[in-house]
Amino acid sequence: MRHVIKSPMIGRLLTWRSPSEPFVKVGERVEPMTTVCVIEALNVCDLIPAELNGRFIEYLRTGNNDFVDFAEPLFVVDSDDLP
């Protein structure tokens, strides 16, 4: 079942850990503690976990350094955990 990971806070979305390496690639397996992105607000960076087991399907926000709002859809994961 598909699950949408939403932003837990407002801030600046960082989807790449370096200029050539995203936190998660499409098709990659994720686990509950897999970091899918970082959201930076007030110079504090929060690691955002996948929170479930599954396969990373799609980026809904592709712009690194884009501003995101609370509860904004960010990613889609095909979950092994949901019925």
PDB file of N, CA and C in Angstrom:
ATOM      1  N   MET A   1       0.834  -1.171   0.000  1.00  0.00           N
ATOM      2  CA  MET A   1       0.000   0.000   0.000  1.00  0.00           C
ATOM      3  C   MET A   1       0.889   1.248   0.000  1.00  0.00           C
ATOM      4  N   ARG A   2       0.495   2.228  -0.746  1.00  0.00           N
ATOM      5  CA  ARG A   2       1.284   3.460  -0.839  1.00  0.00           C
ATOM      6  C   ARG A   2       1.020   4.377   0.346  1.00  0.00           C
ATOM      7  N   HIS A   3       2.095   4.960   0.847  1.00  0.00           N
ATOM      8  CA  HIS A   3       2.024   5.863   1.990  1.00  0.00           C
ATOM      9  C   HIS A   3       2.751   7.160   1.626  1.00  0.00           C
ATOM     10  N   VAL A   4       2.147   8.290   1.932  1.00  0.00           N
ATOM     11  CA  VAL A   4       2.765   9.584   1.660  1.00  0.00           C
ATOM     12  C   VAL A   4       3.439  10.083   2.930  1.00  0.00           C
ATOM     13  N   ILE A   5       4.725  10.385   2.828  1.00  0.00           N
ATOM     14  CA  ILE A   5       5.455  10.991   3.942  1.00  0.00           C
ATOM     15  C   ILE A   5       5.252  12.494   3.838  1.00  0.00           C
ATOM     16  N   LYS A   6       4.746  13.086   4.919  1.00  0.00           N
ATOM     17  CA  LYS A   6       4.462  14.522   4.933  1.00  0.00           C
ATOM     18  C   LYS A   6       5.450  15.245   5.833  1.00  0.00           C
ATOM     19  N   SER A   7       5.610  16.520   5.574  1.00  0.00           N
ATOM     20  CA  SER A   7       6.509  17.335   6.374  1.00  0.00           C
ATOM     21  C   SER A   7       5.951  17.502   7.789  1.00  0.00           C
ATOM     22  N   PRO A   8       6.755  17.201   8.810  1.00  0.00           N
ATOM     23  CA  PRO A   8       6.287  17.365  10.182  1.00  0.00           C
ATOM     24  C   PRO A   8       6.429  18.796  10.697  1.00  0.00           C
ATOM     25  N   MET A   9       6.991  19.677   9.861  1.00  0.00           N
ATOM     26  CA  MET A   9       7.263  21.044  10.291  1.00  0.00           C
ATOM     27  C   MET A   9       7.478  21.945   9.081  1.00  0.00           C
ATOM     28  N   ILE A  10       7.539  23.237   9.311  1.00  0.00           N
ATOM     29  CA  ILE A  10       7.892  24.162   8.234  1.00  0.00           C
ATOM     30  C   ILE A  10       9.408  24.353   8.238  1.00  0.00           C
ATOM     31  N   GLY A  11       9.952  24.645   7.079  1.00  0.00           N
ATOM     32  CA  GLY A  11      11.389  24.869   6.998  1.00  0.00           C
ATOM     33  C   GLY A  11      11.900  24.666   5.588  1.00  0.00           C
ATOM     34  N   ARG A  12      13.210  24.565   5.490  1.00  0.00           N
ATOM     35  CA  ARG A  12      13.892  24.393   4.207  1.00  0.00           C
ATOM     36  C   ARG A  12      14.185  22.912   4.009  1.00  0.00           C
ATOM     37  N   LEU A  13      13.698  22.364   2.900  1.00  0.00           N
ATOM     38  CA  LEU A  13      13.840  20.938   2.585  1.00  0.00           C
ATOM     39  C   LEU A  13      15.199  20.654   1.959  1.00  0.00           C
ATOM     40  N   LEU A  14      15.901  19.702   2.528  1.00  0.00           N
ATOM     41  CA  LEU A  14      17.185  19.257   1.981  1.00  0.00           C
ATOM     42  C   LEU A  14      17.063  17.776   1.647  1.00  0.00           C
ATOM     43  N   THR A  15      17.070  17.444   0.366  1.00  0.00           N
ATOM     44  CA  THR A  15      16.897  16.051  -0.064  1.00  0.00           C
ATOM     45  C   THR A  15      18.214  15.389  -0.464  1.00  0.00           C
ATOM     46  N   TRP A  16      19.306  16.156  -0.480  1.00  0.00           N
ATOM     47  CA  TRP A  16      20.616  15.631  -0.886  1.00  0.00           C
ATOM     48  C   TRP A  16      21.604  15.774   0.266  1.00  0.00           C
ATOM     49  N   ARG A  17      22.312  14.688   0.604  1.00  0.00           N
ATOM     50  CA  ARG A  17      23.332  14.770   1.654  1.00  0.00           C
ATOM     51  C   ARG A  17      24.623  15.378   1.125  1.00  0.00           C
ATOM     52  N   SER A  18      24.811  15.330  -0.178  1.00  0.00           N
ATOM     53  CA  SER A  18      25.940  15.983  -0.847  1.00  0.00           C
ATOM     54  C   SER A  18      25.467  16.315  -2.259  1.00  0.00           C
ATOM     55  N   PRO A  19      26.228  17.119  -3.012  1.00  0.00           N
ATOM     56  CA  PRO A  19      25.774  17.483  -4.363  1.00  0.00           C
ATOM     57  C   PRO A  19      25.535  16.313  -5.303  1.00  0.00           C
ATOM     58  N   SER A  20      26.112  15.154  -5.019  1.00  0.00           N
ATOM     59  CA  SER A  20      25.939  14.019  -5.923  1.00  0.00           C
ATOM     60  C   SER A  20      25.219  12.829  -5.278  1.00  0.00           C
ATOM     61  N   GLU A  21      24.755  12.978  -4.032  1.00  0.00           N
ATOM     62  CA  GLU A  21      24.165  11.834  -3.340  1.00  0.00           C
ATOM     63  C   GLU A  21      22.890  12.218  -2.584  1.00  0.00           C
ATOM     64  N   PRO A  22      21.719  11.749  -3.064  1.00  0.00           N
ATOM     65  CA  PRO A  22      20.476  12.005  -2.326  1.00  0.00           C
ATOM     66  C   PRO A  22      20.425  11.142  -1.061  1.00  0.00           C
ATOM     67  N   PHE A  23      19.595  11.527  -0.115  1.00  0.00           N
ATOM     68  CA  PHE A  23      19.410  10.699   1.080  1.00  0.00           C
ATOM     69  C   PHE A  23      18.830   9.344   0.689  1.00  0.00           C
ATOM     70  N   VAL A  24      17.860   9.344  -0.237  1.00  0.00           N
ATOM     71  CA  VAL A  24      17.214   8.103  -0.689  1.00  0.00           C
ATOM     72  C   VAL A  24      17.008   8.182  -2.194  1.00  0.00           C
ATOM     73  N   LYS A  25      17.241   7.066  -2.875  1.00  0.00           N
ATOM     74  CA  LYS A  25      17.028   6.998  -4.318  1.00  0.00           C
ATOM     75  C   LYS A  25      15.714   6.270  -4.607  1.00  0.00           C
ATOM     76  N   VAL A  26      15.073   6.623  -5.702  1.00  0.00           N
ATOM     77  CA  VAL A  26      13.840   5.949  -6.118  1.00  0.00           C
ATOM     78  C   VAL A  26      14.143   4.464  -6.318  1.00  0.00           C
ATOM     79  N   GLY A  27      13.282   3.628  -5.749  1.00  0.00           N
ATOM     80  CA  GLY A  27      13.449   2.183  -5.839  1.00  0.00           C
ATOM     81  C   GLY A  27      14.189   1.577  -4.666  1.00  0.00           C
ATOM     82  N   GLU A  28      14.808   2.393  -3.855  1.00  0.00           N
ATOM     83  CA  GLU A  28      15.587   1.923  -2.714  1.00  0.00           C
ATOM     84  C   GLU A  28      14.679   1.483  -1.569  1.00  0.00           C
ATOM     85  N   ARG A  29      15.085   0.430  -0.841  1.00  0.00           N
ATOM     86  CA  ARG A  29      14.350  -0.021   0.343  1.00  0.00           C
ATOM     87  C   ARG A  29      14.612   0.945   1.493  1.00  0.00           C
ATOM     88  N   VAL A  30      13.555   1.232   2.255  1.00  0.00           N
ATOM     89  CA  VAL A  30      13.692   2.073   3.443  1.00  0.00           C
ATOM     90  C   VAL A  30      13.153   1.330   4.652  1.00  0.00           C
ATOM     91  N   GLU A  31      13.648   1.699   5.811  1.00  0.00           N
ATOM     92  CA  GLU A  31      13.212   1.161   7.089  1.00  0.00           C
ATOM     93  C   GLU A  31      12.729   2.324   7.942  1.00  0.00           C
ATOM     94  N   PRO A  32      12.086   2.066   9.076  1.00  0.00           N
ATOM     95  CA  PRO A  32      11.532   3.153   9.874  1.00  0.00           C
ATOM     96  C   PRO A  32      12.531   4.264  10.235  1.00  0.00           C
ATOM     97  N   MET A  33      13.785   3.940  10.446  1.00  0.00           N
ATOM     98  CA  MET A  33      14.763   4.960  10.835  1.00  0.00           C
ATOM     99  C   MET A  33      15.620   5.476   9.670  1.00  0.00           C
ATOM    100  N   THR A  34      15.302   5.088   8.433  1.00  0.00           N
ATOM    101  CA  THR A  34      16.034   5.594   7.264  1.00  0.00           C
ATOM    102  C   THR A  34      15.731   7.076   7.091  1.00  0.00           C
ATOM    103  N   THR A  35      16.775   7.899   7.046  1.00  0.00           N
ATOM    104  CA  THR A  35      16.589   9.332   6.828  1.00  0.00           C
ATOM    105  C   THR A  35      16.252   9.573   5.362  1.00  0.00           C
ATOM    106  N   VAL A  36      15.091  10.205   5.102  1.00  0.00           N
ATOM    107  CA  VAL A  36      14.684  10.493   3.732  1.00  0.00           C
ATOM    108  C   VAL A  36      14.993  11.939   3.346  1.00  0.00           C
ATOM    109  N   CYS A  37      15.139  12.811   4.343  1.00  0.00           N
ATOM    110  CA  CYS A  37      15.498  14.196   4.080  1.00  0.00           C
ATOM    111  C   CYS A  37      15.834  14.882   5.396  1.00  0.00           C
ATOM    112  N   VAL A  38      16.243  16.129   5.284  1.00  0.00           N
ATOM    113  CA  VAL A  38      16.471  16.988   6.440  1.00  0.00           C
ATOM    114  C   VAL A  38      15.621  18.230   6.230  1.00  0.00           C
ATOM    115  N   ILE A  39      15.004  18.712   7.300  1.00  0.00           N
ATOM    116  CA  ILE A  39      14.312  19.994   7.237  1.00  0.00           C
ATOM    117  C   ILE A  39      15.005  20.931   8.211  1.00  0.00           C
ATOM    118  N   GLU A  40      15.447  22.060   7.686  1.00  0.00           N
ATOM    119  CA  GLU A  40      16.184  23.041   8.483  1.00  0.00           C
ATOM    120  C   GLU A  40      15.273  24.213   8.792  1.00  0.00           C
ATOM    121  N   ALA A  41      15.198  24.561  10.077  1.00  0.00           N
ATOM    122  CA  ALA A  41      14.427  25.722  10.510  1.00  0.00           C
ATOM    123  C   ALA A  41      15.171  26.394  11.656  1.00  0.00           C
ATOM    124  N   LEU A  42      15.339  27.689  11.550  1.00  0.00           N
ATOM    125  CA  LEU A  42      16.030  28.466  12.589  1.00  0.00           C
ATOM    126  C   LEU A  42      17.419  27.907  12.892  1.00  0.00           C
ATOM    127  N   ASN A  43      18.132  27.520  11.840  1.00  0.00           N
ATOM    128  CA  ASN A  43      19.486  26.973  11.920  1.00  0.00           C
ATOM    129  C   ASN A  43      19.575  25.656  12.680  1.00  0.00           C
ATOM    130  N   VAL A  44      18.450  24.956  12.814  1.00  0.00           N
ATOM    131  CA  VAL A  44      18.435  23.629  13.419  1.00  0.00           C
ATOM    132  C   VAL A  44      17.992  22.641  12.342  1.00  0.00           C
ATOM    133  N   CYS A  45      18.786  21.582  12.154  1.00  0.00           N
ATOM    134  CA  CYS A  45      18.476  20.580  11.136  1.00  0.00           C
ATOM    135  C   CYS A  45      17.848  19.360  11.793  1.00  0.00           C
ATOM    136  N   ASP A  46      16.653  18.993  11.335  1.00  0.00           N
ATOM    137  CA  ASP A  46      15.947  17.811  11.834  1.00  0.00           C
ATOM    138  C   ASP A  46      15.963  16.719  10.770  1.00  0.00           C
ATOM    139  N   LEU A  47      16.436  15.538  11.164  1.00  0.00           N
ATOM    140  CA  LEU A  47      16.424  14.384  10.265  1.00  0.00           C
ATOM    141  C   LEU A  47      15.005  13.839  10.210  1.00  0.00           C
ATOM    142  N   ILE A  48      14.487  13.626   9.008  1.00  0.00           N
ATOM    143  CA  ILE A  48      13.129  13.124   8.833  1.00  0.00           C
ATOM    144  C   ILE A  48      13.206  11.658   8.410  1.00  0.00           C
ATOM    145  N   PRO A  49      12.698  10.735   9.264  1.00  0.00           N
ATOM    146  CA  PRO A  49      12.766   9.309   8.952  1.00  0.00           C
ATOM    147  C   PRO A  49      11.598   8.839   8.095  1.00  0.00           C
ATOM    148  N   ALA A  50      11.778   7.695   7.456  1.00  0.00           N
ATOM    149  CA  ALA A  50      10.710   7.092   6.645  1.00  0.00           C
ATOM    150  C   ALA A  50       9.546   6.628   7.517  1.00  0.00           C
ATOM    151  N   GLU A  51       9.829   6.174   8.736  1.00  0.00           N
ATOM    152  CA  GLU A  51       8.838   5.728   9.719  1.00  0.00           C
ATOM    153  C   GLU A  51       8.132   4.423   9.377  1.00  0.00           C
ATOM    154  N   LEU A  52       8.531   3.746   8.303  1.00  0.00           N
ATOM    155  CA  LEU A  52       7.937   2.456   7.961  1.00  0.00           C
ATOM    156  C   LEU A  52       8.871   1.690   7.036  1.00  0.00           C
ATOM    157  N   ASN A  53       8.583   0.409   6.871  1.00  0.00           N
ATOM    158  CA  ASN A  53       9.346  -0.438   5.947  1.00  0.00           C
ATOM    159  C   ASN A  53       8.694  -0.377   4.576  1.00  0.00           C
ATOM    160  N   GLY A  54       9.512  -0.331   3.547  1.00  0.00           N
ATOM    161  CA  GLY A  54       8.955  -0.342   2.200  1.00  0.00           C
ATOM    162  C   GLY A  54       9.971   0.059   1.152  1.00  0.00           C
ATOM    163  N   ARG A  55       9.462   0.430  -0.008  1.00  0.00           N
ATOM    164  CA  ARG A  55      10.300   0.840  -1.133  1.00  0.00           C
ATOM    165  C   ARG A  55       9.964   2.287  -1.486  1.00  0.00           C
ATOM    166  N   PHE A  56      11.020   3.098  -1.612  1.00  0.00           N
ATOM    167  CA  PHE A  56      10.863   4.511  -1.944  1.00  0.00           C
ATOM    168  C   PHE A  56      10.410   4.617  -3.402  1.00  0.00           C
ATOM    169  N   ILE A  57       9.243   5.250  -3.640  1.00  0.00           N
ATOM    170  CA  ILE A  57       8.638   5.273  -4.970  1.00  0.00           C
ATOM    171  C   ILE A  57       8.823   6.598  -5.703  1.00  0.00           C
ATOM    172  N   GLU A  58       8.608   7.715  -5.003  1.00  0.00           N
ATOM    173  CA  GLU A  58       8.531   8.985  -5.732  1.00  0.00           C
ATOM    174  C   GLU A  58       8.833  10.186  -4.839  1.00  0.00           C
ATOM    175  N   TYR A  59       9.535  11.159  -5.427  1.00  0.00           N
ATOM    176  CA  TYR A  59       9.698  12.474  -4.804  1.00  0.00           C
ATOM    177  C   TYR A  59       8.519  13.335  -5.236  1.00  0.00           C
ATOM    178  N   LEU A  60       7.770  13.900  -4.289  1.00  0.00           N
ATOM    179  CA  LEU A  60       6.704  14.840  -4.638  1.00  0.00           C
ATOM    180  C   LEU A  60       7.237  16.266  -4.652  1.00  0.00           C
ATOM    181  N   ARG A  61       8.330  16.504  -3.929  1.00  0.00           N
ATOM    182  CA  ARG A  61       9.037  17.785  -3.959  1.00  0.00           C
ATOM    183  C   ARG A  61      10.468  17.484  -4.377  1.00  0.00           C
ATOM    184  N   THR A  62      10.890  18.023  -5.495  1.00  0.00           N
ATOM    185  CA  THR A  62      12.215  17.690  -6.014  1.00  0.00           C
ATOM    186  C   THR A  62      13.251  18.780  -5.788  1.00  0.00           C
ATOM    187  N   GLY A  63      12.817  19.971  -5.420  1.00  0.00           N
ATOM    188  CA  GLY A  63      13.759  21.073  -5.270  1.00  0.00           C
ATOM    189  C   GLY A  63      14.506  21.042  -3.952  1.00  0.00           C
ATOM    190  N   ASN A  64      15.815  20.846  -4.014  1.00  0.00           N
ATOM    191  CA  ASN A  64      16.636  20.937  -2.816  1.00  0.00           C
ATOM    192  C   ASN A  64      16.670  22.399  -2.384  1.00  0.00           C
ATOM    193  N   ASN A  65      16.541  22.671  -1.108  1.00  0.00           N
ATOM    194  CA  ASN A  65      16.495  24.021  -0.523  1.00  0.00           C
ATOM    195  C   ASN A  65      15.151  24.701  -0.702  1.00  0.00           C
ATOM    196  N   ASP A  66      14.118  23.977  -1.129  1.00  0.00           N
ATOM    197  CA  ASP A  66      12.773  24.549  -1.224  1.00  0.00           C
ATOM    198  C   ASP A  66      12.179  24.711   0.170  1.00  0.00           C
ATOM    199  N   PHE A  67      11.331  25.710   0.326  1.00  0.00           N
ATOM    200  CA  PHE A  67      10.593  25.890   1.565  1.00  0.00           C
ATOM    201  C   PHE A  67       9.393  24.941   1.559  1.00  0.00           C
ATOM    202  N   VAL A  68       9.175  24.246   2.667  1.00  0.00           N
ATOM    203  CA  VAL A  68       8.012  23.366   2.796  1.00  0.00           C
ATOM    204  C   VAL A  68       7.185  23.789   3.996  1.00  0.00           C
ATOM    205  N   ASP A  69       5.900  23.509   3.925  1.00  0.00           N
ATOM    206  CA  ASP A  69       4.969  23.855   4.985  1.00  0.00           C
ATOM    207  C   ASP A  69       4.623  22.610   5.796  1.00  0.00           C
ATOM    208  N   PHE A  70       4.041  22.799   6.955  1.00  0.00           N
ATOM    209  CA  PHE A  70       3.605  21.697   7.802  1.00  0.00           C
ATOM    210  C   PHE A  70       2.588  20.824   7.055  1.00  0.00           C
ATOM    211  N   ALA A  71       2.756  19.523   7.127  1.00  0.00           N
ATOM    212  CA  ALA A  71       1.865  18.516   6.526  1.00  0.00           C
ATOM    213  C   ALA A  71       1.883  18.511   5.000  1.00  0.00           C
ATOM    214  N   GLU A  72       2.853  19.150   4.396  1.00  0.00           N
ATOM    215  CA  GLU A  72       2.970  19.129   2.936  1.00  0.00           C
ATOM    216  C   GLU A  72       3.497  17.765   2.478  1.00  0.00           C
ATOM    217  N   PRO A  73       2.866  17.127   1.498  1.00  0.00           N
ATOM    218  CA  PRO A  73       3.343  15.831   0.994  1.00  0.00           C
ATOM    219  C   PRO A  73       4.733  15.971   0.366  1.00  0.00           C
ATOM    220  N   LEU A  74       5.645  15.061   0.763  1.00  0.00           N
ATOM    221  CA  LEU A  74       7.025  15.131   0.282  1.00  0.00           C
ATOM    222  C   LEU A  74       7.436  13.928  -0.559  1.00  0.00           C
ATOM    223  N   PHE A  75       7.071  12.723  -0.111  1.00  0.00           N
ATOM    224  CA  PHE A  75       7.538  11.496  -0.743  1.00  0.00           C
ATOM    225  C   PHE A  75       6.446  10.432  -0.717  1.00  0.00           C
ATOM    226  N   VAL A  76       6.585   9.439  -1.602  1.00  0.00           N
ATOM    227  CA  VAL A  76       5.680   8.287  -1.600  1.00  0.00           C
ATOM    228  C   VAL A  76       6.515   7.027  -1.370  1.00  0.00           C
ATOM    229  N   VAL A  77       6.043   6.194  -0.431  1.00  0.00           N
ATOM    230  CA  VAL A  77       6.695   4.916  -0.130  1.00  0.00           C
ATOM    231  C   VAL A  77       5.669   3.805  -0.312  1.00  0.00           C
ATOM    232  N   ASP A  78       6.048   2.749  -1.022  1.00  0.00           N
ATOM    233  CA  ASP A  78       5.203   1.563  -1.134  1.00  0.00           C
ATOM    234  C   ASP A  78       5.501   0.732   0.101  1.00  0.00           C
ATOM    235  N   SER A  79       4.572   0.717   1.044  1.00  0.00           N
ATOM    236  CA  SER A  79       4.812   0.183   2.380  1.00  0.00           C
ATOM    237  C   SER A  79       4.555  -1.306   2.506  1.00  0.00           C
ATOM    238  N   ASP A  80       5.441  -1.960   3.263  1.00  0.00           N
ATOM    239  CA  ASP A  80       5.250  -3.363   3.633  1.00  0.00           C
ATOM    240  C   ASP A  80       4.438  -3.467   4.919  1.00  0.00           C
ATOM    241  N   ASP A  81       4.330  -2.369   5.677  1.00  0.00           N
ATOM    242  CA  ASP A  81       3.732  -2.388   7.013  1.00  0.00           C
ATOM    243  C   ASP A  81       2.218  -2.221   7.022  1.00  0.00           C
ATOM    244  N   LEU A  82       1.672  -1.542   6.024  1.00  0.00           N
ATOM    245  CA  LEU A  82       0.239  -1.252   6.030  1.00  0.00           C
ATOM    246  C   LEU A  82      -0.552  -2.361   5.356  1.00  0.00           C
ATOM    247  N   PRO A  83      -1.762  -2.653   5.859  1.00  0.00           N
ATOM    248  CA  PRO A  83      -2.563  -3.718   5.245  1.00  0.00           C
ATOM    249  C   PRO A  83      -3.098  -3.337   3.885  1.00  0.00           C
TER     250      PRO A  83
END
